[in-house]
Amino acid sequence: MHGYSGDKQAYLTRLRRIEGQIRGLQRMVEEDAYCIDVLTQVSAATRALQAVALGLLEDHIGHCVADAINIGGPEAQEKVKEASAAIARLVRS
């Protein structure tokens, strides 16, 4: 079971909302909306995706990493490295 399983519906709802934001962005570009208005919406969609990513990361650390650490062994080290790499990707983006 994945760490986000308990909140799966909430994540799906948020992702569908973001999908709607992206469709709105496409429509704005098709309709030649003002550049700053499009950029404002891009920023909002980016922040929404970042919020989902942070929630998933928190769930991963709280569930998958914590379980692996409790069990111990090489899997624990691998899960910590995996989480660290995910954090690095989020920081770079």
C-alpha atoms as a PDB file:
ATOM      1  CA  MET A   1       0.000   0.000   0.000  1.00  0.00           C
ATOM      2  CA  HIS A   2       1.296   3.468  -0.870  1.00  0.00           C
ATOM      3  CA  GLY A   3       1.529   6.292   1.656  1.00  0.00           C
ATOM      4  CA  TYR A   4      -1.036   8.382  -0.205  1.00  0.00           C
ATOM      5  CA  SER A   5      -3.663   5.607  -0.369  1.00  0.00           C
ATOM      6  CA  GLY A   6      -5.695   7.063   2.475  1.00  0.00           C
ATOM      7  CA  ASP A   7      -5.914  10.409   0.679  1.00  0.00           C
ATOM      8  CA  LYS A   8      -6.175   9.039  -2.846  1.00  0.00           C
ATOM      9  CA  GLN A   9      -9.554  10.652  -3.587  1.00  0.00           C
ATOM     10  CA  ALA A  10      -8.368  14.029  -2.313  1.00  0.00           C
ATOM     11  CA  TYR A  11      -5.289  13.842  -4.531  1.00  0.00           C
ATOM     12  CA  LEU A  12      -7.379  12.850  -7.544  1.00  0.00           C
ATOM     13  CA  THR A  13      -9.753  15.754  -6.891  1.00  0.00           C
ATOM     14  CA  ARG A  14      -6.866  18.204  -6.649  1.00  0.00           C
ATOM     15  CA  LEU A  15      -5.242  16.834  -9.805  1.00  0.00           C
ATOM     16  CA  ARG A  16      -8.523  17.120 -11.715  1.00  0.00           C
ATOM     17  CA  ARG A  17      -8.801  20.729 -10.570  1.00  0.00           C
ATOM     18  CA  ILE A  18      -5.260  21.369 -11.827  1.00  0.00           C
ATOM     19  CA  GLU A  19      -6.157  19.661 -15.097  1.00  0.00           C
ATOM     20  CA  GLY A  20      -8.984  22.173 -15.419  1.00  0.00           C
ATOM     21  CA  GLN A  21      -6.539  25.008 -14.769  1.00  0.00           C
ATOM     22  CA  ILE A  22      -4.310  23.711 -17.568  1.00  0.00           C
ATOM     23  CA  ARG A  23      -7.261  23.525 -19.956  1.00  0.00           C
ATOM     24  CA  GLY A  24      -8.063  27.095 -18.990  1.00  0.00           C
ATOM     25  CA  LEU A  25      -4.497  28.086 -19.823  1.00  0.00           C
ATOM     26  CA  GLN A  26      -4.794  26.466 -23.230  1.00  0.00           C
ATOM     27  CA  ARG A  27      -8.014  28.375 -23.837  1.00  0.00           C
ATOM     28  CA  MET A  28      -6.388  31.622 -22.748  1.00  0.00           C
ATOM     29  CA  VAL A  29      -3.556  31.136 -25.255  1.00  0.00           C
ATOM     30  CA  GLU A  30      -5.991  30.140 -28.006  1.00  0.00           C
ATOM     31  CA  GLU A  31      -7.964  33.328 -27.320  1.00  0.00           C
ATOM     32  CA  ASP A  32      -4.817  35.489 -27.234  1.00  0.00           C
ATOM     33  CA  ALA A  33      -5.213  36.521 -23.597  1.00  0.00           C
ATOM     34  CA  TYR A  34      -2.897  39.150 -22.151  1.00  0.00           C
ATOM     35  CA  CYS A  35       0.577  37.703 -21.403  1.00  0.00           C
ATOM     36  CA  ILE A  36       0.589  38.695 -17.736  1.00  0.00           C
ATOM     37  CA  ASP A  37      -2.812  37.066 -17.199  1.00  0.00           C
ATOM     38  CA  VAL A  38      -1.527  33.809 -18.720  1.00  0.00           C
ATOM     39  CA  LEU A  39       1.640  33.975 -16.610  1.00  0.00           C
ATOM     40  CA  THR A  40      -0.426  34.551 -13.482  1.00  0.00           C
ATOM     41  CA  GLN A  41      -2.426  31.409 -14.220  1.00  0.00           C
ATOM     42  CA  VAL A  42       0.741  29.432 -15.001  1.00  0.00           C
ATOM     43  CA  SER A  43       2.084  30.465 -11.610  1.00  0.00           C
ATOM     44  CA  ALA A  44      -1.140  29.359  -9.890  1.00  0.00           C
ATOM     45  CA  ALA A  45      -1.059  25.963 -11.629  1.00  0.00           C
ATOM     46  CA  THR A  46       2.608  25.543 -10.729  1.00  0.00           C
ATOM     47  CA  ARG A  47       1.903  26.285  -7.058  1.00  0.00           C
ATOM     48  CA  ALA A  48      -0.997  23.825  -7.092  1.00  0.00           C
ATOM     49  CA  LEU A  49       1.235  21.074  -8.506  1.00  0.00           C
ATOM     50  CA  GLN A  50       3.919  21.882  -5.957  1.00  0.00           C
ATOM     51  CA  ALA A  51       1.357  21.536  -3.170  1.00  0.00           C
ATOM     52  CA  VAL A  52       0.392  18.087  -4.471  1.00  0.00           C
ATOM     53  CA  ALA A  53       4.057  17.120  -4.708  1.00  0.00           C
ATOM     54  CA  LEU A  54       4.751  18.236  -1.142  1.00  0.00           C
ATOM     55  CA  GLY A  55       1.736  16.305   0.126  1.00  0.00           C
ATOM     56  CA  LEU A  56       2.870  13.161  -1.675  1.00  0.00           C
ATOM     57  CA  LEU A  57       6.387  13.613  -0.328  1.00  0.00           C
ATOM     58  CA  GLU A  58       5.079  14.011   3.207  1.00  0.00           C
ATOM     59  CA  ASP A  59       2.954  10.866   2.808  1.00  0.00           C
ATOM     60  CA  HIS A  60       5.935   8.972   1.391  1.00  0.00           C
ATOM     61  CA  ILE A  61       8.200   9.945   4.267  1.00  0.00           C
ATOM     62  CA  GLY A  62       5.526   9.346   6.899  1.00  0.00           C
ATOM     63  CA  HIS A  63       4.558   5.945   5.560  1.00  0.00           C
ATOM     64  CA  CYS A  64       7.045   4.297   3.192  1.00  0.00           C
ATOM     65  CA  VAL A  65      10.266   5.695   4.661  1.00  0.00           C
ATOM     66  CA  ALA A  66       9.111   5.339   8.260  1.00  0.00           C
ATOM     67  CA  ASP A  67       8.079   1.712   7.690  1.00  0.00           C
ATOM     68  CA  ALA A  68      11.401   0.913   6.023  1.00  0.00           C
ATOM     69  CA  ILE A  69      13.338   2.498   8.889  1.00  0.00           C
ATOM     70  CA  ASN A  70      11.348   0.472  11.424  1.00  0.00           C
ATOM     71  CA  ILE A  71      12.235  -2.709   9.529  1.00  0.00           C
ATOM     72  CA  GLY A  72      15.845  -1.601   9.058  1.00  0.00           C
ATOM     73  CA  GLY A  73      18.466  -2.974   6.745  1.00  0.00           C
ATOM     74  CA  PRO A  74      19.449  -1.863   3.258  1.00  0.00           C
ATOM     75  CA  GLU A  75      15.843  -1.083   2.299  1.00  0.00           C
ATOM     76  CA  ALA A  76      15.768   1.679   4.915  1.00  0.00           C
ATOM     77  CA  GLN A  77      18.861   3.318   3.451  1.00  0.00           C
ATOM     78  CA  GLU A  78      17.420   2.993  -0.052  1.00  0.00           C
ATOM     79  CA  LYS A  79      14.122   4.648   0.958  1.00  0.00           C
ATOM     80  CA  VAL A  80      15.982   7.548   2.592  1.00  0.00           C
ATOM     81  CA  LYS A  81      18.104   8.027  -0.557  1.00  0.00           C
ATOM     82  CA  GLU A  82      14.963   7.859  -2.684  1.00  0.00           C
ATOM     83  CA  ALA A  83      13.242  10.528  -0.574  1.00  0.00           C
ATOM     84  CA  SER A  84      16.356  12.688  -0.641  1.00  0.00           C
ATOM     85  CA  ALA A  85      16.492  12.479  -4.444  1.00  0.00           C
ATOM     86  CA  ALA A  86      12.802  13.417  -4.666  1.00  0.00           C
ATOM     87  CA  ILE A  87      13.425  16.446  -2.444  1.00  0.00           C
ATOM     88  CA  ALA A  88      16.353  17.472  -4.626  1.00  0.00           C
ATOM     89  CA  ARG A  89      14.160  17.256  -7.750  1.00  0.00           C
ATOM     90  CA  LEU A  90      11.495  19.416  -6.113  1.00  0.00           C
ATOM     91  CA  VAL A  91      14.039  22.005  -5.015  1.00  0.00           C
ATOM     92  CA  ARG A  92      15.491  22.243  -8.524  1.00  0.00           C
ATOM     93  CA  SER A  93      12.114  22.714 -10.178  1.00  0.00           C
END
